[in-house]
Protein backbone atom coordinates (compact mmCIF):
# COMPACT_ATOMS: atom_id res chain seq x y z
CA UNK A 1 -0.15 -0.24 -0.07
CA UNK A 2 0.98 3.50 -0.51
CA UNK A 3 1.99 5.71 2.03
CA UNK A 4 0.00 8.09 0.27
CA UNK A 5 -3.22 6.01 0.04
CA UNK A 6 -6.09 8.06 0.09
CA UNK A 7 -4.70 11.84 -0.19
CA UNK A 8 -4.64 14.35 -2.71
CA UNK A 9 -2.22 14.23 -4.84
CA UNK A 10 -3.30 17.94 -6.99
CA UNK A 11 -1.92 19.70 -4.14
CA UNK A 12 1.45 20.71 -3.93
CA UNK A 13 3.05 20.10 -0.19
CA UNK A 14 5.38 21.59 1.58
CA UNK A 15 7.70 18.14 1.90
CA UNK A 16 9.72 16.51 -0.56
CA UNK A 17 13.53 16.81 -1.85
CA UNK A 18 16.16 16.00 -4.41
CA UNK A 19 18.86 14.59 -5.23
CA UNK A 20 21.10 14.16 -8.10
CA UNK A 21 22.34 10.71 -9.32
CA UNK A 22 25.69 9.93 -11.35
CA UNK A 23 25.68 7.00 -14.18
CA UNK A 24 28.79 5.63 -14.78
CA UNK A 25 29.12 4.56 -18.78
CA UNK A 26 26.74 1.81 -19.65
CA UNK A 27 25.08 1.14 -16.38
CA UNK A 28 22.34 0.93 -14.88
CA UNK A 29 21.08 2.48 -11.90
CA UNK A 30 18.12 3.46 -9.98
CA UNK A 31 16.99 6.68 -8.84
CA UNK A 32 16.22 6.99 -5.53
CA UNK A 33 19.56 6.93 -1.98
CA UNK A 34 22.38 4.84 -1.43
CA UNK A 35 24.41 2.84 -3.55
CA UNK A 36 23.39 2.40 -7.35
CA UNK A 37 20.29 4.45 -6.32
CA UNK A 38 18.47 1.62 -4.76
CA UNK A 39 17.32 3.15 -1.62
CA UNK A 40 13.68 3.22 -1.52
CA UNK A 41 12.26 7.04 -1.09
CA UNK A 42 8.34 7.00 -1.50
CA UNK A 43 6.85 10.44 -3.44
CA UNK A 44 4.40 11.06 -5.43
CA UNK A 45 5.78 12.52 -8.49
CA UNK A 46 9.44 13.81 -9.82
CA UNK A 47 11.02 15.80 -11.66
CA UNK A 48 13.73 14.85 -14.18
CA UNK A 49 15.98 16.76 -15.80
CA UNK A 50 19.97 15.91 -17.44
CA UNK A 51 22.66 18.40 -15.79
CA UNK A 52 25.47 17.45 -17.70
CA UNK A 53 25.89 14.55 -21.10
CA UNK A 54 24.09 13.57 -23.06
CA UNK A 55 21.87 9.96 -24.30
CA UNK A 56 20.50 9.43 -20.47
CA UNK A 57 17.35 6.92 -20.62
CA UNK A 58 14.99 6.70 -17.74
CA UNK A 59 12.60 3.65 -17.42
CA UNK A 60 10.35 2.38 -15.25
CA UNK A 61 9.96 -0.22 -13.34
CA UNK A 62 12.33 -2.45 -15.62
CA UNK A 63 15.58 -1.91 -16.76
CA UNK A 64 16.51 0.93 -19.19
CA UNK A 65 18.72 0.89 -21.96
CA UNK A 66 19.05 1.99 -26.00
CA UNK A 67 15.45 1.21 -26.80
CA UNK A 68 13.47 1.23 -23.61
CA UNK A 69 12.58 4.41 -22.06
CA UNK A 70 12.90 7.47 -22.62
CA UNK A 71 15.05 10.29 -22.69
CA UNK A 72 15.81 12.73 -19.83
CA UNK A 73 15.51 16.43 -21.73
CA UNK A 74 18.66 18.48 -20.88
CA UNK A 75 18.98 21.40 -18.85
CA UNK A 76 19.42 23.43 -22.39
CA UNK A 77 15.79 22.50 -23.02
CA UNK A 78 14.47 24.30 -19.70
CA UNK A 79 11.76 21.90 -19.42
CA UNK A 80 12.24 19.15 -17.01
CA UNK A 81 10.26 15.68 -17.61
CA UNK A 82 7.81 14.92 -15.04
CA UNK A 83 6.78 11.22 -13.81
CA UNK A 84 4.03 10.63 -11.55
CA UNK A 85 5.29 7.79 -9.58
CA UNK A 86 5.19 6.58 -5.57
CA UNK A 87 8.86 5.89 -5.73
CA UNK A 88 12.48 7.04 -6.93
CA UNK A 89 13.44 3.62 -6.55
CA UNK A 90 11.30 2.44 -9.41
CA UNK A 91 13.04 5.03 -11.38
CA UNK A 92 16.17 3.14 -13.70
CA UNK A 93 18.13 5.29 -15.50
CA UNK A 94 21.58 4.60 -18.90
CA UNK A 95 23.75 6.44 -19.53
CA UNK A 96 26.67 6.93 -21.57
CA UNK A 97 29.50 8.87 -19.59
CA UNK A 98 29.40 9.53 -16.19
CA UNK A 99 26.27 11.25 -17.26
CA UNK A 100 24.13 13.77 -14.09
CA UNK A 101 20.55 13.55 -13.67
CA UNK A 102 18.71 16.12 -11.12
CA UNK A 103 15.58 14.82 -9.05
CA UNK A 104 13.20 16.61 -8.01
CA UNK A 105 9.97 15.37 -6.02
CA UNK A 106 7.41 15.65 -3.89
CA UNK A 107 6.07 13.63 -1.21
């Protein structure tokens, strides 16, 4: 059961946080905290933006690859990607070479 069961998801709360992940070349890591992002971070949604690098892809609930998942938008585009999700640990990223992704999430 979700931490947010029977709660409104349309209001902006005053809690949440940010996480920055660095993706080693050709490695898939999760969006949570800890080693490889494996630690659970409950949330209602997350905004993703590529801080540095190119070619980062994200998938939900399964490993990302060159063909699975979608591209994370670059900082130069100015529009982050919003994903309504209940845990950052369910986001899987793959990059090309020490790419950095900023994650802003709300509880």
